[in-house]
């Protein structure tokens, strides 16, 4: 059975690019959900069973790091793996994201192969 992924990015275009890359990577996601910021992502997670989250870092309202912190406080969703997808993949920010529970990071721009390699270990 296919898995469910949540793509969190304030750019609708980037959400579509990530969605296309997932299909090209050949990962069996039966459902692709979307959110425009961290708060929307928390709302989606509270209403849907999600296997993995792909989240940007820089977003309005609630950024990716704030999202990770808030998610960690909610027992029902705290164990859902999150991979950051961002132009900001310097060691400092990625280490900070990992300290809040992120399982990895993918630098924009990315390839379907990199998506497959990164998510393959989590699914």
C-alpha atoms as a PDB file:
ATOM      1  CA  UNK A   1       0.000   0.000   0.000  1.00  0.00           C
ATOM      2  CA  UNK A   2       1.224   3.463  -0.835  1.00  0.00           C
ATOM      3  CA  UNK A   3       2.442   5.892   1.729  1.00  0.00           C
ATOM      4  CA  UNK A   4       1.336   9.435   2.514  1.00  0.00           C
ATOM      5  CA  UNK A   5       3.716  12.382   2.338  1.00  0.00           C
ATOM      6  CA  UNK A   6       3.175  15.967   3.464  1.00  0.00           C
ATOM      7  CA  UNK A   7       5.061  18.660   1.533  1.00  0.00           C
ATOM      8  CA  UNK A   8       5.442  21.909   3.481  1.00  0.00           C
ATOM      9  CA  UNK A   9       6.616  24.957   1.522  1.00  0.00           C
ATOM     10  CA  UNK A  10       5.280  28.492   1.164  1.00  0.00           C
ATOM     11  CA  UNK A  11       5.826  28.294  -2.600  1.00  0.00           C
ATOM     12  CA  UNK A  12       3.072  26.459  -4.464  1.00  0.00           C
ATOM     13  CA  UNK A  13       5.491  26.020  -7.383  1.00  0.00           C
ATOM     14  CA  UNK A  14       8.096  24.376  -5.141  1.00  0.00           C
ATOM     15  CA  UNK A  15       5.452  22.035  -3.687  1.00  0.00           C
ATOM     16  CA  UNK A  16       4.628  20.939  -7.251  1.00  0.00           C
ATOM     17  CA  UNK A  17       8.340  20.463  -8.068  1.00  0.00           C
ATOM     18  CA  UNK A  18       8.837  18.298  -4.963  1.00  0.00           C
ATOM     19  CA  UNK A  19       5.705  16.321  -5.800  1.00  0.00           C
ATOM     20  CA  UNK A  20       6.955  15.674  -9.346  1.00  0.00           C
ATOM     21  CA  UNK A  21      10.398  14.671  -8.047  1.00  0.00           C
ATOM     22  CA  UNK A  22       8.772  12.148  -5.705  1.00  0.00           C
ATOM     23  CA  UNK A  23       6.936  10.543  -8.616  1.00  0.00           C
ATOM     24  CA  UNK A  24      10.116  10.541 -10.722  1.00  0.00           C
ATOM     25  CA  UNK A  25      12.011   8.938  -7.843  1.00  0.00           C
ATOM     26  CA  UNK A  26       9.605   6.013  -8.025  1.00  0.00           C
ATOM     27  CA  UNK A  27       8.599   6.153  -4.369  1.00  0.00           C
ATOM     28  CA  UNK A  28       5.126   4.718  -3.852  1.00  0.00           C
ATOM     29  CA  UNK A  29       3.206   7.630  -2.336  1.00  0.00           C
ATOM     30  CA  UNK A  30      -0.514   7.088  -2.779  1.00  0.00           C
ATOM     31  CA  UNK A  31      -1.322  10.450  -1.186  1.00  0.00           C
ATOM     32  CA  UNK A  32       0.585  13.720  -1.405  1.00  0.00           C
ATOM     33  CA  UNK A  33      -0.673  16.384   0.992  1.00  0.00           C
ATOM     34  CA  UNK A  34       0.466  20.010   0.993  1.00  0.00           C
ATOM     35  CA  UNK A  35       0.798  22.856   3.482  1.00  0.00           C
ATOM     36  CA  UNK A  36       2.004  26.438   2.991  1.00  0.00           C
ATOM     37  CA  UNK A  37       3.704  26.863   6.376  1.00  0.00           C
ATOM     38  CA  UNK A  38       4.379  25.104   9.656  1.00  0.00           C
ATOM     39  CA  UNK A  39       1.012  25.946  11.198  1.00  0.00           C
ATOM     40  CA  UNK A  40      -0.852  24.537   8.189  1.00  0.00           C
ATOM     41  CA  UNK A  41       1.381  21.456   8.437  1.00  0.00           C
ATOM     42  CA  UNK A  42       0.386  20.913  12.083  1.00  0.00           C
ATOM     43  CA  UNK A  43      -3.277  21.211  11.044  1.00  0.00           C
ATOM     44  CA  UNK A  44      -2.795  18.642   8.258  1.00  0.00           C
ATOM     45  CA  UNK A  45      -0.942  16.264  10.584  1.00  0.00           C
ATOM     46  CA  UNK A  46      -3.708  16.491  13.185  1.00  0.00           C
ATOM     47  CA  UNK A  47      -6.271  15.362  10.600  1.00  0.00           C
ATOM     48  CA  UNK A  48      -4.332  12.844   8.473  1.00  0.00           C
ATOM     49  CA  UNK A  49      -2.119   9.791   8.889  1.00  0.00           C
ATOM     50  CA  UNK A  50       1.211  10.834   7.335  1.00  0.00           C
ATOM     51  CA  UNK A  51       4.302   8.639   6.856  1.00  0.00           C
ATOM     52  CA  UNK A  52       6.884  11.356   6.187  1.00  0.00           C
ATOM     53  CA  UNK A  53       7.066  15.164   6.016  1.00  0.00           C
ATOM     54  CA  UNK A  54       9.241  17.150   3.602  1.00  0.00           C
ATOM     55  CA  UNK A  55       9.552  20.703   4.908  1.00  0.00           C
ATOM     56  CA  UNK A  56      11.143  23.940   3.817  1.00  0.00           C
ATOM     57  CA  UNK A  57      12.939  25.982   6.469  1.00  0.00           C
ATOM     58  CA  UNK A  58      12.152  29.578   5.447  1.00  0.00           C
ATOM     59  CA  UNK A  59       8.396  30.170   5.524  1.00  0.00           C
ATOM     60  CA  UNK A  60       6.095  32.891   6.879  1.00  0.00           C
ATOM     61  CA  UNK A  61       3.865  32.454   9.965  1.00  0.00           C
ATOM     62  CA  UNK A  62       5.687  29.370  11.289  1.00  0.00           C
ATOM     63  CA  UNK A  63       9.041  28.413   9.753  1.00  0.00           C
ATOM     64  CA  UNK A  64      10.442  24.907   9.481  1.00  0.00           C
ATOM     65  CA  UNK A  65      12.399  25.043  12.747  1.00  0.00           C
ATOM     66  CA  UNK A  66       9.387  26.373  14.672  1.00  0.00           C
ATOM     67  CA  UNK A  67       7.308  23.616  13.056  1.00  0.00           C
ATOM     68  CA  UNK A  68       9.769  20.948  14.246  1.00  0.00           C
ATOM     69  CA  UNK A  69       9.680  22.329  17.806  1.00  0.00           C
ATOM     70  CA  UNK A  70       5.873  22.455  17.873  1.00  0.00           C
ATOM     71  CA  UNK A  71       5.526  18.984  16.315  1.00  0.00           C
ATOM     72  CA  UNK A  72       7.850  17.513  18.964  1.00  0.00           C
ATOM     73  CA  UNK A  73       5.399  18.647  21.679  1.00  0.00           C
ATOM     74  CA  UNK A  74       2.429  16.718  20.229  1.00  0.00           C
ATOM     75  CA  UNK A  75       2.608  13.013  21.185  1.00  0.00           C
ATOM     76  CA  UNK A  76       0.370  11.805  18.326  1.00  0.00           C
ATOM     77  CA  UNK A  77       2.667  13.235  15.617  1.00  0.00           C
ATOM     78  CA  UNK A  78       6.083  13.673  17.240  1.00  0.00           C
ATOM     79  CA  UNK A  79       7.506  10.454  15.747  1.00  0.00           C
ATOM     80  CA  UNK A  80       6.608  11.204  12.109  1.00  0.00           C
ATOM     81  CA  UNK A  81       9.961  11.641  10.297  1.00  0.00           C
ATOM     82  CA  UNK A  82      10.724  15.061   8.816  1.00  0.00           C
ATOM     83  CA  UNK A  83      13.289  15.781   6.098  1.00  0.00           C
ATOM     84  CA  UNK A  84      14.136  19.417   5.466  1.00  0.00           C
ATOM     85  CA  UNK A  85      14.219  20.554   1.822  1.00  0.00           C
ATOM     86  CA  UNK A  86      15.824  23.970   1.601  1.00  0.00           C
ATOM     87  CA  UNK A  87      18.363  26.208  -0.037  1.00  0.00           C
ATOM     88  CA  UNK A  88      19.729  26.623   3.488  1.00  0.00           C
ATOM     89  CA  UNK A  89      21.546  23.386   4.182  1.00  0.00           C
ATOM     90  CA  UNK A  90      24.584  24.709   6.008  1.00  0.00           C
ATOM     91  CA  UNK A  91      25.832  22.581   8.891  1.00  0.00           C
ATOM     92  CA  UNK A  92      24.598  25.027  11.544  1.00  0.00           C
ATOM     93  CA  UNK A  93      20.976  25.173  10.444  1.00  0.00           C
ATOM     94  CA  UNK A  94      20.793  21.452   9.633  1.00  0.00           C
ATOM     95  CA  UNK A  95      22.293  20.547  13.018  1.00  0.00           C
ATOM     96  CA  UNK A  96      19.720  22.826  14.640  1.00  0.00           C
ATOM     97  CA  UNK A  97      16.928  21.152  12.644  1.00  0.00           C
ATOM     98  CA  UNK A  98      18.233  17.709  13.639  1.00  0.00           C
ATOM     99  CA  UNK A  99      18.338  18.791  17.282  1.00  0.00           C
ATOM    100  CA  UNK A 100      14.586  19.428  16.935  1.00  0.00           C
ATOM    101  CA  UNK A 101      13.980  16.034  15.350  1.00  0.00           C
ATOM    102  CA  UNK A 102      14.647  16.353  11.611  1.00  0.00           C
ATOM    103  CA  UNK A 103      15.931  13.090  10.135  1.00  0.00           C
ATOM    104  CA  UNK A 104      17.875  14.656   7.275  1.00  0.00           C
ATOM    105  CA  UNK A 105      18.105  17.418   4.705  1.00  0.00           C
ATOM    106  CA  UNK A 106      17.956  17.784   0.940  1.00  0.00           C
ATOM    107  CA  UNK A 107      19.491  20.846  -0.691  1.00  0.00           C
ATOM    108  CA  UNK A 108      17.566  22.724  -3.384  1.00  0.00           C
ATOM    109  CA  UNK A 109      17.926  22.207  -6.271  1.00  0.00           C
ATOM    110  CA  UNK A 110      17.726  18.431  -5.964  1.00  0.00           C
ATOM    111  CA  UNK A 111      17.348  15.378  -8.173  1.00  0.00           C
ATOM    112  CA  UNK A 112      14.824  12.533  -7.929  1.00  0.00           C
ATOM    113  CA  UNK A 113      17.783  10.265  -7.160  1.00  0.00           C
ATOM    114  CA  UNK A 114      18.722  12.353  -4.115  1.00  0.00           C
ATOM    115  CA  UNK A 115      15.097  12.287  -2.936  1.00  0.00           C
ATOM    116  CA  UNK A 116      15.006   8.502  -3.348  1.00  0.00           C
ATOM    117  CA  UNK A 117      18.320   8.053  -1.560  1.00  0.00           C
ATOM    118  CA  UNK A 118      17.300  10.264   1.362  1.00  0.00           C
ATOM    119  CA  UNK A 119      13.749   8.961   1.803  1.00  0.00           C
ATOM    120  CA  UNK A 120      14.566   5.333   1.071  1.00  0.00           C
ATOM    121  CA  UNK A 121      16.208   4.976   4.459  1.00  0.00           C
ATOM    122  CA  UNK A 122      13.126   6.367   6.246  1.00  0.00           C
ATOM    123  CA  UNK A 123      10.341   4.431   4.535  1.00  0.00           C
END
